[in-house]
Amino acid sequence: MGNWVPFVVLTVLTWGAYIPTLHKGQAALGGSGLHAFLMVGVAYLLVAILIPGTLIARAGSWGAFTSTGMTLTIAAGALGALGALGIVFALINGGRPTVVPPLVFAGAPVVSVFVAMLYNPPQNSPSPMFFIGLIMAAVGASLVMSFRPT
């Protein structure tokens, strides 16, 4: 295939873990989306610093921060940033826009489900339809790859 494939795998794994990690961190911050968004902003060093910081300061709710919540939400931000970097490297190393996104966006939801189940183990075994869905995601990505525009 090419040198870009490992970067697609990097992106699938990191972006697949992003939302469940963010959710877990948010829960550890007392459910405050503003506090979680601030920590993601620290990881990205962009927009999420000033706006939530000001809102949290106005609310006087700095006490909602916990070390676990801050660690998890910063980790979630880092996972998202690593995924974005994986996309950039995949494209720089020969991946095409008709190939990279279908692989990433077919794989990331599958990873996300497994990370979410790791964080919140299901009480019952998954339905056979769950496994059929996994197979369908793989078949869908294969079809997109096989019949992509050239």
Protein backbone atom coordinates (compact mmCIF):
# COMPACT_ATOMS: atom_id res chain seq x y z
CA MET A 1 0.00 0.00 0.00
CA GLY A 2 2.28 2.79 1.14
CA ASN A 3 3.99 4.67 3.93
CA TRP A 4 0.72 6.43 4.78
CA VAL A 5 -1.07 3.34 6.15
CA PRO A 6 0.52 3.48 9.64
CA PHE A 7 -0.67 7.08 9.93
CA VAL A 8 -4.23 6.01 9.08
CA VAL A 9 -3.98 3.33 11.77
CA LEU A 10 -2.68 5.96 14.22
CA THR A 11 -5.63 8.20 13.41
CA VAL A 12 -8.20 5.40 13.67
CA LEU A 13 -6.90 4.39 17.10
CA THR A 14 -6.51 7.89 18.56
CA TRP A 15 -9.71 9.38 17.16
CA GLY A 16 -11.58 6.21 18.05
CA ALA A 17 -10.55 6.65 21.66
CA TYR A 18 -11.14 10.43 21.72
CA ILE A 19 -14.85 10.76 22.49
CA PRO A 20 -15.06 8.00 25.12
CA THR A 21 -11.95 9.43 26.84
CA LEU A 22 -13.40 12.93 26.72
CA HIS A 23 -16.67 11.63 28.14
CA LYS A 24 -14.90 9.79 30.96
CA GLY A 25 -12.85 12.89 31.80
CA GLN A 26 -15.93 15.08 31.75
CA ALA A 27 -17.64 12.73 34.18
CA ALA A 28 -14.59 12.92 36.46
CA LEU A 29 -14.93 16.72 36.40
CA GLY A 30 -18.42 16.52 37.86
CA GLY A 31 -20.08 16.40 34.45
CA SER A 32 -18.99 19.92 33.52
CA GLY A 33 -18.55 20.22 29.77
CA LEU A 34 -16.87 23.62 30.20
CA HIS A 35 -14.16 22.19 32.42
CA ALA A 36 -13.57 19.24 30.05
CA PHE A 37 -13.50 21.59 27.06
CA LEU A 38 -10.91 23.75 28.82
CA MET A 39 -8.62 20.73 29.28
CA VAL A 40 -9.02 19.71 25.62
CA GLY A 41 -8.08 23.30 24.80
CA VAL A 42 -4.88 22.95 26.81
CA ALA A 43 -4.00 19.89 24.71
CA TYR A 44 -4.70 21.68 21.43
CA LEU A 45 -3.35 25.05 22.61
CA LEU A 46 -6.09 26.77 20.64
CA VAL A 47 -9.60 28.13 21.03
CA ALA A 48 -10.65 26.27 24.14
CA ILE A 49 -8.44 28.26 26.51
CA LEU A 50 -9.91 31.74 26.78
CA ILE A 51 -13.64 31.16 26.27
CA PRO A 52 -14.24 28.38 28.82
CA GLY A 53 -11.67 29.91 31.15
CA THR A 54 -13.64 33.14 31.23
CA LEU A 55 -16.98 31.33 31.69
CA ILE A 56 -15.61 29.15 34.48
CA ALA A 57 -14.10 32.20 36.17
CA ARG A 58 -17.42 34.04 35.94
CA ALA A 59 -19.20 31.05 37.44
CA GLY A 60 -16.53 30.72 40.11
CA SER A 61 -16.46 26.98 39.60
CA TRP A 62 -12.71 26.34 39.53
CA GLY A 63 -13.23 23.83 42.35
CA ALA A 64 -14.79 21.36 39.91
CA PHE A 65 -11.35 20.42 38.59
CA THR A 66 -9.98 17.10 39.76
CA SER A 67 -6.65 15.57 38.88
CA THR A 68 -8.39 12.59 37.26
CA GLY A 69 -10.74 14.75 35.23
CA MET A 70 -7.97 17.06 34.10
CA THR A 71 -5.70 14.14 33.17
CA LEU A 72 -8.40 12.36 31.18
CA THR A 73 -9.61 15.44 29.32
CA ILE A 74 -6.05 16.48 28.46
CA ALA A 75 -5.48 12.89 27.25
CA ALA A 76 -8.64 13.16 25.13
CA GLY A 77 -7.33 16.37 23.56
CA ALA A 78 -3.98 14.75 22.86
CA LEU A 79 -5.72 11.77 21.21
CA GLY A 80 -7.62 14.12 18.93
CA ALA A 81 -4.48 16.07 18.06
CA LEU A 82 -2.53 12.86 17.33
CA GLY A 83 -5.33 11.72 15.06
CA ALA A 84 -5.24 14.98 13.16
CA LEU A 85 -1.49 14.63 12.85
CA GLY A 86 -1.99 11.09 11.54
CA ILE A 87 -4.27 12.45 8.79
CA VAL A 88 -1.68 15.05 7.82
CA PHE A 89 1.13 12.47 7.73
CA ALA A 90 -1.03 9.99 5.80
CA LEU A 91 -1.72 12.59 3.13
CA ILE A 92 1.90 13.79 3.04
CA ASN A 93 3.09 10.20 2.58
CA GLY A 94 0.89 9.37 -0.39
CA GLY A 95 -2.54 8.74 1.05
CA ARG A 96 -5.28 10.24 -1.08
CA PRO A 97 -8.36 12.12 0.09
CA THR A 98 -10.52 9.42 -1.53
CA VAL A 99 -8.81 6.71 0.54
CA VAL A 100 -7.74 8.11 3.91
CA PRO A 101 -11.10 9.41 5.23
CA PRO A 102 -13.09 6.22 4.49
CA LEU A 103 -10.52 4.15 6.36
CA VAL A 104 -10.39 6.57 9.28
CA PHE A 105 -14.11 7.09 9.58
CA ALA A 106 -14.95 3.41 9.21
CA GLY A 107 -12.35 2.39 11.77
CA ALA A 108 -12.66 5.13 14.39
CA PRO A 109 -16.26 4.38 15.40
CA VAL A 110 -15.36 0.72 15.92
CA VAL A 111 -12.39 1.65 18.12
CA SER A 112 -14.57 4.17 19.94
CA VAL A 113 -17.14 1.52 20.82
CA PHE A 114 -14.48 -0.80 22.22
CA VAL A 115 -12.80 1.98 24.23
CA ALA A 116 -16.22 3.03 25.57
CA MET A 117 -16.90 -0.60 26.55
CA LEU A 118 -13.50 -0.71 28.27
CA TYR A 119 -14.36 2.40 30.28
CA ASN A 120 -17.95 1.29 30.91
CA PRO A 121 -18.09 -2.52 30.67
CA PRO A 122 -21.47 -3.70 29.39
CA GLN A 123 -23.58 -5.67 31.83
CA ASN A 124 -24.64 -8.11 29.10
CA SER A 125 -22.80 -9.72 26.22
CA PRO A 126 -23.15 -7.81 22.96
CA SER A 127 -25.93 -8.91 20.64
CA PRO A 128 -24.98 -10.88 17.54
CA MET A 129 -26.14 -7.79 15.63
CA PHE A 130 -23.20 -5.91 17.20
CA PHE A 131 -20.76 -8.31 15.55
CA ILE A 132 -22.70 -8.13 12.28
CA GLY A 133 -22.33 -4.34 12.50
CA LEU A 134 -18.56 -4.69 12.90
CA ILE A 135 -18.43 -6.92 9.83
CA MET A 136 -20.61 -4.47 7.91
CA ALA A 137 -18.27 -1.58 8.83
CA ALA A 138 -15.30 -3.58 7.49
CA VAL A 139 -17.22 -4.56 4.35
CA GLY A 140 -18.32 -0.95 3.84
CA ALA A 141 -14.74 0.32 4.08
CA SER A 142 -13.63 -2.41 1.68
CA LEU A 143 -16.33 -1.45 -0.82
CA VAL A 144 -15.38 2.22 -0.62
CA MET A 145 -11.73 1.30 -1.16
CA SER A 146 -12.47 -1.10 -4.02
CA PHE A 147 -14.75 1.29 -5.89
CA ARG A 148 -13.26 4.67 -4.96
CA PRO A 149 -13.09 7.37 -7.60
CA THR A 150 -9.82 7.39 -9.50
